[in-house]
Protein backbone atom coordinates (compact mmCIF):
# COMPACT_ATOMS: atom_id res chain seq x y z
CA MET A 1 -20.32 6.43 3.51
CA LYS A 2 -20.04 4.41 6.71
CA LYS A 3 -22.67 3.91 9.38
CA LEU A 4 -20.93 3.61 12.73
CA TYR A 5 -22.35 1.87 15.77
CA VAL A 6 -21.88 3.85 19.00
CA GLY A 7 -22.65 2.04 22.25
CA ASN A 8 -22.49 2.50 26.01
CA LEU A 9 -23.78 6.03 25.61
CA PRO A 10 -25.04 7.94 28.64
CA PHE A 11 -28.83 8.08 28.59
CA GLN A 12 -28.85 11.89 28.79
CA ALA A 13 -26.73 12.28 25.61
CA THR A 14 -28.30 14.15 22.71
CA GLU A 15 -27.72 13.87 18.97
CA GLU A 16 -26.16 17.34 19.03
CA GLU A 17 -23.68 16.44 21.78
CA LEU A 18 -22.72 13.21 20.01
CA GLY A 19 -22.25 15.10 16.74
CA ASN A 20 -20.01 17.66 18.44
CA TRP A 21 -17.92 14.86 19.96
CA PHE A 22 -17.41 13.28 16.53
CA SER A 23 -16.53 16.69 15.07
CA GLN A 24 -13.85 17.15 17.73
CA ALA A 25 -12.32 13.87 16.52
CA GLY A 26 -12.05 15.23 12.98
CA ALA A 27 -15.14 13.57 11.51
CA THR A 28 -18.09 15.32 9.92
CA PRO A 29 -21.17 13.39 11.02
CA GLY A 30 -24.18 13.21 8.75
CA ASN A 31 -27.29 11.58 10.13
CA ILE A 32 -27.17 10.73 13.85
CA THR A 33 -29.71 8.35 15.36
CA LEU A 34 -29.99 7.60 19.06
CA VAL A 35 -32.12 4.50 19.52
CA ARG A 36 -35.05 4.91 21.89
CA ASP A 37 -37.44 2.50 23.52
CA LYS A 38 -40.57 2.35 21.37
CA PHE A 39 -42.92 2.42 24.36
CA SER A 40 -41.30 4.83 26.83
CA GLY A 41 -39.28 6.95 24.38
CA GLN A 42 -36.29 6.69 26.72
CA PRO A 43 -32.82 6.32 25.19
CA ARG A 44 -31.45 2.77 24.99
CA GLY A 45 -27.77 3.80 25.32
CA PHE A 46 -26.67 3.23 21.74
CA GLY A 47 -27.06 4.74 18.32
CA PHE A 48 -25.64 5.17 14.85
CA VAL A 49 -23.62 7.93 13.21
CA GLU A 50 -23.23 8.22 9.45
CA ILE A 51 -19.91 9.56 8.18
CA ASN A 52 -19.67 10.33 4.46
CA ASN A 53 -15.91 9.92 4.22
CA ASP A 54 -14.47 6.45 4.98
CA GLU A 55 -11.15 7.93 6.08
CA GLU A 56 -12.90 10.23 8.57
CA ALA A 57 -14.96 7.29 9.83
CA GLU A 58 -11.83 5.23 10.54
CA ARG A 59 -10.19 8.22 12.21
CA ALA A 60 -13.26 8.69 14.43
CA ILE A 61 -13.30 5.01 15.43
CA GLN A 62 -9.61 5.15 16.37
CA ALA A 63 -10.02 8.42 18.29
CA LEU A 64 -13.27 7.66 20.11
CA ASN A 65 -13.56 3.93 20.74
CA GLY A 66 -13.06 3.21 24.44
CA HIS A 67 -12.81 6.88 25.35
CA ASP A 68 -14.85 8.92 27.80
CA PHE A 69 -18.00 10.67 26.62
CA MET A 70 -20.02 12.33 29.38
CA GLY A 71 -18.64 9.92 32.00
CA ARG A 72 -18.95 6.65 30.03
CA ASN A 73 -16.35 4.73 27.99
CA VAL A 74 -18.02 4.54 24.61
CA VAL A 75 -17.80 1.70 22.10
CA ALA A 76 -17.47 3.00 18.53
CA GLY A 77 -17.10 0.75 15.53
CA ALA A 78 -18.12 0.06 11.97
CA GLY A 79 -21.64 -1.25 11.55
CA VAL A 80 -23.11 -3.40 8.79
CA ALA A 81 -26.62 -3.32 7.43
CA VAL A 82 -28.95 -5.60 9.30
CA GLY A 83 -30.09 -6.98 5.97
CA ALA A 84 -26.60 -8.34 5.35
CA ALA A 85 -26.27 -9.64 8.89
CA ALA A 86 -29.76 -11.07 8.81
CA GLY A 87 -29.01 -12.82 5.56
CA ALA A 88 -26.01 -14.41 7.20
CA ALA A 89 -28.10 -15.35 10.23
CA GLY A 90 -31.18 -16.46 8.32
CA ALA A 91 -33.43 -13.69 9.68
CA THR A 92 -35.00 -10.60 8.17
CA GLY A 93 -33.56 -7.10 8.44
CA ASN A 94 -35.06 -3.73 9.24
CA GLY A 95 -32.49 -1.37 7.73
CA LEU A 96 -30.55 -0.55 10.89
CA ALA A 97 -26.92 -1.48 11.48
CA LEU A 98 -25.12 -3.88 13.78
CA PRO A 99 -21.53 -3.81 14.96
CA LEU A 100 -19.41 -6.28 13.04
CA GLU A 101 -18.76 -8.22 16.26
CA PHE A 102 -22.50 -8.96 16.52
CA VAL A 103 -22.54 -10.37 12.99
CA SER A 104 -19.76 -12.81 13.91
CA LEU A 105 -21.68 -13.78 17.04
CA ILE A 106 -24.88 -14.37 15.05
CA GLN A 107 -22.99 -16.51 12.56
CA ALA A 108 -21.32 -18.51 15.35
CA CYS A 109 -24.69 -19.19 16.98
CA GLN A 110 -26.13 -20.36 13.68
CA THR A 111 -23.31 -22.81 13.02
CA GLY A 112 -23.04 -24.25 16.32
């Protein structure tokens, strides 16, 4: 199973619409989480999609990354558990996922 990071989402997007978009790319999404502001409840413009099959996950990344979804060019990529990233960065995790690019950035900031 892979947890994919999906960013630059339109604020009006729903979990159902995002799931349908992934299905059109040939991936069967499991759990879909759109991150919301904890005070206002408004969407933050990113989320996570779990795909049970690694091959489908890679296919979805290739098909969807940089492509239009409801008027926005979406960023889709593999995520890593925050616990792993936090361990690399010396912080604590909360069980979410980060794009791999963020992990490299955290590590670069820590070293220098």
